[in-house]
Structure formats: structure tokens, C-alpha cells
Amino acid sequence: MSEITLLLVDDHPVVRDGLRGMFEADPAFRVLGEASNGVEGVELAERLDPDVVLMDLRMPGGGGVDAIAELARRGARARVLVLTTYDTDTDTLPAIEAGATGYLLKDAPREELFAAVRAAAEGRTVLSPAVASRLVSRVRTPAPPADESLSAREREVLELVAKGTSNREIAAELFISEATVKTHLTHIFGKLGAKDRAAAVAVGYERGILGRSG
């Protein structure tokens, strides 16, 4: 295909410099711009209209998942390829559900990264082996019975957990005791088949309990 245009979104200047140098050394690619957070990334993607956005996930001032979701909401043409150091379920599932075309780790070899960008530009899904195995494992995990749905209060607790809120803060927010929060968490873990808070959030995103509008 013709020259692939790129937008780099990462909060580390050294990472952006390295990626720019790597891609600009190959005539098949052209870097249109750089952004240091997701909010800037969305604005630049809309203005520059790149073929592919290389998106980091955890950035101060605007994370990657929110940016991916916003680009999808705006109907942006660009394909988003996540390039991050994180491969946990709590990172991969929300990013992919938000609309990322692919998910690659920063330790990927240059040729693997180039191939992933080409694939993303063509609209093909690209997942690093580690991420792919996690998703396959997650898909193969038996889902809990359909009647084991969360109550309205349990959903509220899970949403606050997803925001990184502590038990004490959840208790204050919902005007309940910490003991009650722990009881709700026990029920949430049991219903979602999760062993801890992070796993519960991951399953919550996967099953659509979290991230719903309205």
C-alpha cells in the first residue's frame, strides 16, 4: 500500500523521539505529529487525519483508553494501535473494547512493530502473543450463571473500584460502613468469578457491566 501516516501519542519524549526516528528512517512511513497525552492525541488525530495512531495507555493529563473511545465516538478514520508496557487484563480488555485495532508491547522488535502498523492501517487486528493468550484464556473461562447479576448497589461499588477508590472512600461516597463495602465486594467477586479487585474490574469491562453509557 502507499505511504502510511502516523501520529505518536506517548507521555515520554524519549519514546516519541525513538519511534519517530525509527519510522522516518523507512520511506514507507511518515510521522505527522506527536502528542503527550490522550486529549492532545484526539485533537491532533482529528486535525491531521493519520492512518494509524500509536497510543500509549497510562498518561497523565488523559489516558489512552478514554482517547480511543473518544476517537471511536467521533468516527475518526485512524486505526489505533496500542503500544504500551502493560499487558494485564485491566489494561488490554478496556483498550480493545474501546475500539483499539491492535495491542502491542513496547519490547516488540522493530519489524514486528512495522508489520503491526501495516496490519492496523489495513484494518486487521494485531495482538502481541502475550495479550492474545490472555484474551484466549479469558474467553475460555466459564462464565458464571446468567442469574448471578450484580445489584444496583454492587454495580456502584464496582464502578468506584474501577476508578481506584479505596474501601474507606467507597464507604464515605455511598454513606455505608466499610464492613458493608467488604460484604458487597465478597458478593461481587463470587458473582463475577473473580479472585481480587483487579480481576473483578476486568470481568466487569468484559461483560459490559462497566463502560456502559447511561
C-alpha atoms as a PDB file:
ATOM      1  CA  MET A   1       0.000   0.000   0.000  1.00  0.00           C
ATOM      2  CA  SER A   2       1.053   3.649  -0.235  1.00  0.00           C
ATOM      3  CA  GLU A   3       2.865   5.599   2.487  1.00  0.00           C
ATOM      4  CA  ILE A   4       1.347   5.079   5.938  1.00  0.00           C
ATOM      5  CA  THR A   5       0.920   8.214   8.044  1.00  0.00           C
ATOM      6  CA  LEU A   6       1.292   8.071  11.818  1.00  0.00           C
ATOM      7  CA  LEU A   7       0.502  10.007  14.976  1.00  0.00           C
ATOM      8  CA  LEU A   8       2.563   9.187  18.086  1.00  0.00           C
ATOM      9  CA  VAL A   9       0.844   9.534  21.468  1.00  0.00           C
ATOM     10  CA  ASP A  10       3.111   8.914  24.484  1.00  0.00           C
ATOM     11  CA  ASP A  11       3.958  10.965  27.560  1.00  0.00           C
ATOM     12  CA  HIS A  12       7.689  10.168  27.335  1.00  0.00           C
ATOM     13  CA  PRO A  13       9.607  12.409  24.885  1.00  0.00           C
ATOM     14  CA  VAL A  14      12.420   9.858  24.627  1.00  0.00           C
ATOM     15  CA  VAL A  15       9.949   7.181  23.499  1.00  0.00           C
ATOM     16  CA  ARG A  16       8.412   9.525  20.925  1.00  0.00           C
ATOM     17  CA  ASP A  17      11.857  10.520  19.632  1.00  0.00           C
ATOM     18  CA  GLY A  18      12.853   6.885  19.300  1.00  0.00           C
ATOM     19  CA  LEU A  19       9.671   5.949  17.462  1.00  0.00           C
ATOM     20  CA  ARG A  20       9.895   8.965  15.158  1.00  0.00           C
ATOM     21  CA  GLY A  21      13.481   8.156  14.254  1.00  0.00           C
ATOM     22  CA  MET A  22      12.611   4.520  13.620  1.00  0.00           C
ATOM     23  CA  PHE A  23       9.666   5.239  11.348  1.00  0.00           C
ATOM     24  CA  GLU A  24      11.167   8.182   9.494  1.00  0.00           C
ATOM     25  CA  ALA A  25      14.147   6.013   8.531  1.00  0.00           C
ATOM     26  CA  ASP A  26      11.737   3.934   6.425  1.00  0.00           C
ATOM     27  CA  PRO A  27      10.136   5.669   3.406  1.00  0.00           C
ATOM     28  CA  ALA A  28       7.018   3.543   3.825  1.00  0.00           C
ATOM     29  CA  PHE A  29       6.027   5.606   6.876  1.00  0.00           C
ATOM     30  CA  ARG A  30       5.565   9.292   7.675  1.00  0.00           C
ATOM     31  CA  VAL A  31       5.050  10.724  11.168  1.00  0.00           C
ATOM     32  CA  LEU A  32       2.558  13.600  11.037  1.00  0.00           C
ATOM     33  CA  GLY A  33       2.760  14.649  14.673  1.00  0.00           C
ATOM     34  CA  GLU A  34       3.213  13.822  18.342  1.00  0.00           C
ATOM     35  CA  ALA A  35       1.072  14.205  21.456  1.00  0.00           C
ATOM     36  CA  SER A  36       1.953  13.756  25.129  1.00  0.00           C
ATOM     37  CA  ASN A  37      -1.490  12.618  26.343  1.00  0.00           C
ATOM     38  CA  GLY A  38      -4.798  11.262  25.137  1.00  0.00           C
ATOM     39  CA  VAL A  39      -6.606  14.601  24.990  1.00  0.00           C
ATOM     40  CA  GLU A  40      -3.921  16.100  22.738  1.00  0.00           C
ATOM     41  CA  GLY A  41      -3.923  12.874  20.751  1.00  0.00           C
ATOM     42  CA  VAL A  42      -7.629  13.107  19.958  1.00  0.00           C
ATOM     43  CA  GLU A  43      -7.304  16.741  18.859  1.00  0.00           C
ATOM     44  CA  LEU A  44      -4.292  16.040  16.648  1.00  0.00           C
ATOM     45  CA  ALA A  45      -5.841  12.905  15.160  1.00  0.00           C
ATOM     46  CA  GLU A  46      -8.881  14.900  14.156  1.00  0.00           C
ATOM     47  CA  ARG A  47      -6.759  17.662  12.635  1.00  0.00           C
ATOM     48  CA  LEU A  48      -4.025  15.588  10.964  1.00  0.00           C
ATOM     49  CA  ASP A  49      -6.128  12.553   9.954  1.00  0.00           C
ATOM     50  CA  PRO A  50      -3.367   9.907  10.210  1.00  0.00           C
ATOM     51  CA  ASP A  51      -3.804   6.329   9.031  1.00  0.00           C
ATOM     52  CA  VAL A  52      -2.619   4.917  12.362  1.00  0.00           C
ATOM     53  CA  VAL A  53      -2.357   6.308  15.903  1.00  0.00           C
ATOM     54  CA  LEU A  54       0.295   4.650  18.091  1.00  0.00           C
ATOM     55  CA  MET A  55      -1.258   5.073  21.538  1.00  0.00           C
ATOM     56  CA  ASP A  56       0.256   4.600  24.978  1.00  0.00           C
ATOM     57  CA  LEU A  57      -2.248   3.780  27.738  1.00  0.00           C
ATOM     58  CA  ARG A  58      -1.252   5.322  31.055  1.00  0.00           C
ATOM     59  CA  MET A  59      -0.529   9.023  30.598  1.00  0.00           C
ATOM     60  CA  PRO A  60      -1.045  11.973  32.956  1.00  0.00           C
ATOM     61  CA  GLY A  61      -3.480  14.500  31.548  1.00  0.00           C
ATOM     62  CA  GLY A  62      -5.522  11.970  29.588  1.00  0.00           C
ATOM     63  CA  GLY A  63      -5.169   8.193  29.279  1.00  0.00           C
ATOM     64  CA  GLY A  64      -5.236   6.056  26.179  1.00  0.00           C
ATOM     65  CA  VAL A  65      -8.474   4.147  26.786  1.00  0.00           C
ATOM     66  CA  ASP A  66     -10.538   7.344  27.050  1.00  0.00           C
ATOM     67  CA  ALA A  67      -8.818   8.697  23.930  1.00  0.00           C
ATOM     68  CA  ILE A  68      -9.566   5.514  21.967  1.00  0.00           C
ATOM     69  CA  ALA A  69     -13.213   5.663  22.985  1.00  0.00           C
ATOM     70  CA  GLU A  70     -13.431   9.350  22.057  1.00  0.00           C
ATOM     71  CA  LEU A  71     -11.896   8.744  18.628  1.00  0.00           C
ATOM     72  CA  ALA A  72     -14.435   5.987  18.029  1.00  0.00           C
ATOM     73  CA  ARG A  73     -17.260   8.272  19.174  1.00  0.00           C
ATOM     74  CA  ARG A  74     -16.139  10.953  16.737  1.00  0.00           C
ATOM     75  CA  GLY A  75     -15.931   8.449  13.901  1.00  0.00           C
ATOM     76  CA  ALA A  76     -12.225   9.060  13.303  1.00  0.00           C
ATOM     77  CA  ARG A  77     -10.764   7.268  10.280  1.00  0.00           C
ATOM     78  CA  ALA A  78      -7.495   6.477  12.056  1.00  0.00           C
ATOM     79  CA  ARG A  79      -6.856   2.982  13.362  1.00  0.00           C
ATOM     80  CA  VAL A  80      -5.478   2.878  16.903  1.00  0.00           C
ATOM     81  CA  LEU A  81      -2.604   0.552  17.727  1.00  0.00           C
ATOM     82  CA  VAL A  82      -1.871   0.451  21.451  1.00  0.00           C
ATOM     83  CA  LEU A  83       1.850   0.429  22.208  1.00  0.00           C
ATOM     84  CA  THR A  84       2.458   0.054  25.929  1.00  0.00           C
ATOM     85  CA  THR A  85       4.424  -1.775  28.601  1.00  0.00           C
ATOM     86  CA  TYR A  86       1.263  -3.117  30.266  1.00  0.00           C
ATOM     87  CA  ASP A  87      -0.334  -6.445  29.348  1.00  0.00           C
ATOM     88  CA  THR A  88      -2.674  -7.048  32.301  1.00  0.00           C
ATOM     89  CA  ASP A  89      -6.363  -7.814  31.785  1.00  0.00           C
ATOM     90  CA  THR A  90      -7.306  -4.473  33.320  1.00  0.00           C
ATOM     91  CA  ASP A  91      -5.372  -2.727  30.521  1.00  0.00           C
ATOM     92  CA  THR A  92      -5.970  -4.935  27.497  1.00  0.00           C
ATOM     93  CA  LEU A  93      -9.708  -5.558  27.788  1.00  0.00           C
ATOM     94  CA  PRO A  94     -10.805  -1.919  28.213  1.00  0.00           C
ATOM     95  CA  ALA A  95      -8.492  -0.770  25.389  1.00  0.00           C
ATOM     96  CA  ILE A  96      -9.792  -3.357  22.947  1.00  0.00           C
ATOM     97  CA  GLU A  97     -13.402  -2.802  23.963  1.00  0.00           C
ATOM     98  CA  ALA A  98     -12.921   0.958  23.491  1.00  0.00           C
ATOM     99  CA  GLY A  99     -12.044   0.311  19.851  1.00  0.00           C
ATOM    100  CA  ALA A 100      -8.299  -0.336  19.548  1.00  0.00           C
ATOM    101  CA  THR A 101      -7.399  -2.210  16.357  1.00  0.00           C
ATOM    102  CA  GLY A 102      -4.361  -3.804  17.961  1.00  0.00           C
ATOM    103  CA  TYR A 103      -2.323  -4.123  21.128  1.00  0.00           C
ATOM    104  CA  LEU A 104       1.465  -4.407  21.124  1.00  0.00           C
ATOM    105  CA  LEU A 105       4.064  -4.253  23.877  1.00  0.00           C
ATOM    106  CA  LYS A 106       6.977  -1.823  23.759  1.00  0.00           C
ATOM    107  CA  ASP A 107       9.527  -4.614  23.806  1.00  0.00           C
ATOM    108  CA  ALA A 108       8.358  -5.769  20.358  1.00  0.00           C
ATOM    109  CA  PRO A 109      11.143  -5.949  17.705  1.00  0.00           C
ATOM    110  CA  ARG A 110      11.155  -3.204  15.076  1.00  0.00           C
ATOM    111  CA  GLU A 111       9.973  -5.482  12.248  1.00  0.00           C
ATOM    112  CA  GLU A 112       7.094  -6.740  14.388  1.00  0.00           C
ATOM    113  CA  LEU A 113       6.088  -3.155  15.128  1.00  0.00           C
ATOM    114  CA  PHE A 114       6.291  -2.187  11.426  1.00  0.00           C
ATOM    115  CA  ALA A 115       4.200  -5.232  10.456  1.00  0.00           C
ATOM    116  CA  ALA A 116       1.644  -4.377  13.155  1.00  0.00           C
ATOM    117  CA  VAL A 117       1.328  -0.802  11.876  1.00  0.00           C
ATOM    118  CA  ARG A 118       0.816  -2.046   8.313  1.00  0.00           C
ATOM    119  CA  ALA A 119      -1.810  -4.516   9.509  1.00  0.00           C
ATOM    120  CA  ALA A 120      -3.571  -1.851  11.589  1.00  0.00           C
ATOM    121  CA  ALA A 121      -3.618   0.521   8.586  1.00  0.00           C
ATOM    122  CA  GLU A 122      -5.410  -2.221   6.653  1.00  0.00           C
ATOM    123  CA  GLY A 123      -7.910  -2.669   9.476  1.00  0.00           C
ATOM    124  CA  ARG A 124      -6.586  -6.029  10.635  1.00  0.00           C
ATOM    125  CA  THR A 125      -6.433  -6.855  14.335  1.00  0.00           C
ATOM    126  CA  VAL A 126      -2.941  -7.239  15.785  1.00  0.00           C
ATOM    127  CA  LEU A 127      -2.254  -8.632  19.247  1.00  0.00           C
ATOM    128  CA  SER A 128       1.081  -9.392  20.878  1.00  0.00           C
ATOM    129  CA  PRO A 129       1.392 -13.108  21.753  1.00  0.00           C
ATOM    130  CA  ALA A 130       1.175 -12.361  25.480  1.00  0.00           C
ATOM    131  CA  VAL A 131      -2.019 -10.338  25.069  1.00  0.00           C
ATOM    132  CA  ALA A 132      -3.561 -12.876  22.679  1.00  0.00           C
ATOM    133  CA  SER A 133      -3.003 -15.725  25.134  1.00  0.00           C
ATOM    134  CA  ARG A 134      -4.570 -13.685  27.941  1.00  0.00           C
ATOM    135  CA  LEU A 135      -7.670 -12.975  25.872  1.00  0.00           C
ATOM    136  CA  VAL A 136      -7.996 -16.598  24.771  1.00  0.00           C
ATOM    137  CA  SER A 137      -7.683 -17.670  28.401  1.00  0.00           C
ATOM    138  CA  ARG A 138     -10.315 -15.148  29.414  1.00  0.00           C
ATOM    139  CA  VAL A 139     -12.716 -16.263  26.680  1.00  0.00           C
ATOM    140  CA  ARG A 140     -12.292 -19.905  27.719  1.00  0.00           C
ATOM    141  CA  THR A 141     -13.029 -19.144  31.380  1.00  0.00           C
ATOM    142  CA  PRO A 142     -16.576 -20.370  32.087  1.00  0.00           C
ATOM    143  CA  ALA A 143     -18.966 -17.508  32.695  1.00  0.00           C
ATOM    144  CA  PRO A 144     -20.970 -17.514  35.920  1.00  0.00           C
ATOM    145  CA  PRO A 145     -24.682 -18.368  35.705  1.00  0.00           C
ATOM    146  CA  ALA A 146     -26.785 -15.715  33.978  1.00  0.00           C
ATOM    147  CA  ASP A 147     -28.912 -15.146  37.079  1.00  0.00           C
ATOM    148  CA  GLU A 148     -25.816 -14.105  39.052  1.00  0.00           C
ATOM    149  CA  SER A 149     -26.207 -10.449  38.051  1.00  0.00           C
ATOM    150  CA  LEU A 150     -24.992  -7.563  40.185  1.00  0.00           C
ATOM    151  CA  SER A 151     -27.432  -5.477  42.183  1.00  0.00           C
ATOM    152  CA  ALA A 152     -27.573  -1.722  41.618  1.00  0.00           C
ATOM    153  CA  ARG A 153     -25.507  -1.138  44.765  1.00  0.00           C
ATOM    154  CA  GLU A 154     -22.938  -3.759  43.740  1.00  0.00           C
ATOM    155  CA  ARG A 155     -22.582  -2.031  40.368  1.00  0.00           C
ATOM    156  CA  GLU A 156     -21.950   1.276  42.150  1.00  0.00           C
ATOM    157  CA  VAL A 157     -19.249  -0.341  44.277  1.00  0.00           C
ATOM    158  CA  LEU A 158     -17.619  -1.967  41.242  1.00  0.00           C
ATOM    159  CA  GLU A 159     -17.625   1.328  39.337  1.00  0.00           C
ATOM    160  CA  LEU A 160     -15.850   3.025  42.239  1.00  0.00           C
ATOM    161  CA  VAL A 161     -13.342   0.158  42.473  1.00  0.00           C
ATOM    162  CA  ALA A 162     -12.619   0.623  38.757  1.00  0.00           C
ATOM    163  CA  LYS A 163     -11.717   4.253  39.492  1.00  0.00           C
ATOM    164  CA  GLY A 164      -9.181   3.139  42.096  1.00  0.00           C
ATOM    165  CA  THR A 165     -11.311   4.149  45.082  1.00  0.00           C
ATOM    166  CA  SER A 166     -10.372   2.598  48.453  1.00  0.00           C
ATOM    167  CA  ASN A 167     -12.865   0.791  50.679  1.00  0.00           C
ATOM    168  CA  ARG A 168     -12.888   3.727  53.095  1.00  0.00           C
ATOM    169  CA  GLU A 169     -13.573   6.202  50.266  1.00  0.00           C
ATOM    170  CA  ILE A 170     -16.305   3.960  48.847  1.00  0.00           C
ATOM    171  CA  ALA A 171     -17.947   3.824  52.279  1.00  0.00           C
ATOM    172  CA  ALA A 172     -17.908   7.627  52.530  1.00  0.00           C
ATOM    173  CA  GLU A 173     -19.150   8.072  48.951  1.00  0.00           C
ATOM    174  CA  LEU A 174     -22.091   5.690  49.386  1.00  0.00           C
ATOM    175  CA  PHE A 175     -22.804   6.514  53.061  1.00  0.00           C
ATOM    176  CA  ILE A 176     -22.288   2.925  54.189  1.00  0.00           C
ATOM    177  CA  SER A 177     -19.812   1.233  56.538  1.00  0.00           C
ATOM    178  CA  GLU A 178     -16.501  -0.275  55.435  1.00  0.00           C
ATOM    179  CA  ALA A 179     -17.791  -3.649  56.612  1.00  0.00           C
ATOM    180  CA  THR A 180     -20.719  -3.306  54.203  1.00  0.00           C
ATOM    181  CA  VAL A 181     -18.328  -2.399  51.390  1.00  0.00           C
ATOM    182  CA  LYS A 182     -16.343  -5.577  52.088  1.00  0.00           C
ATOM    183  CA  THR A 183     -19.555  -7.615  52.050  1.00  0.00           C
ATOM    184  CA  HIS A 184     -20.513  -6.126  48.667  1.00  0.00           C
ATOM    185  CA  LEU A 185     -17.022  -6.902  47.324  1.00  0.00           C
ATOM    186  CA  THR A 186     -17.300 -10.509  48.500  1.00  0.00           C
ATOM    187  CA  HIS A 187     -20.613 -10.839  46.639  1.00  0.00           C
ATOM    188  CA  ILE A 188     -19.164  -9.141  43.529  1.00  0.00           C
ATOM    189  CA  PHE A 189     -16.143 -11.452  43.478  1.00  0.00           C
ATOM    190  CA  GLY A 190     -18.394 -14.501  43.831  1.00  0.00           C
ATOM    191  CA  LYS A 191     -20.830 -13.438  41.111  1.00  0.00           C
ATOM    192  CA  LEU A 192     -18.085 -12.483  38.643  1.00  0.00           C
ATOM    193  CA  GLY A 193     -15.841 -15.429  39.419  1.00  0.00           C
ATOM    194  CA  ALA A 194     -13.030 -13.006  40.304  1.00  0.00           C
ATOM    195  CA  LYS A 195     -10.333 -13.533  42.922  1.00  0.00           C
ATOM    196  CA  ASP A 196      -9.496  -9.866  43.552  1.00  0.00           C
ATOM    197  CA  ARG A 197     -10.402  -6.252  42.742  1.00  0.00           C
ATOM    198  CA  ALA A 198      -8.397  -6.085  39.511  1.00  0.00           C
ATOM    199  CA  ALA A 199      -9.930  -9.285  38.175  1.00  0.00           C
ATOM    200  CA  ALA A 200     -13.429  -8.053  39.081  1.00  0.00           C
ATOM    201  CA  VAL A 201     -12.854  -4.834  37.130  1.00  0.00           C
ATOM    202  CA  ALA A 202     -11.522  -6.779  34.136  1.00  0.00           C
ATOM    203  CA  VAL A 203     -14.559  -9.071  34.110  1.00  0.00           C
ATOM    204  CA  GLY A 204     -16.808  -6.053  34.619  1.00  0.00           C
ATOM    205  CA  TYR A 205     -15.467  -4.467  31.431  1.00  0.00           C
ATOM    206  CA  GLU A 206     -15.567  -7.756  29.542  1.00  0.00           C
ATOM    207  CA  ARG A 207     -19.219  -8.399  30.431  1.00  0.00           C
ATOM    208  CA  GLY A 208     -20.274  -4.805  29.757  1.00  0.00           C
ATOM    209  CA  ILE A 209     -21.111  -4.067  33.382  1.00  0.00           C
ATOM    210  CA  LEU A 210     -18.557  -1.244  33.299  1.00  0.00           C
ATOM    211  CA  GLY A 211     -18.172   1.205  30.449  1.00  0.00           C
ATOM    212  CA  ARG A 212     -21.837   1.365  29.559  1.00  0.00           C
ATOM    213  CA  SER A 213     -23.329   4.723  28.718  1.00  0.00           C
ATOM    214  CA  GLY A 214     -26.457   5.784  30.525  1.00  0.00           C
END
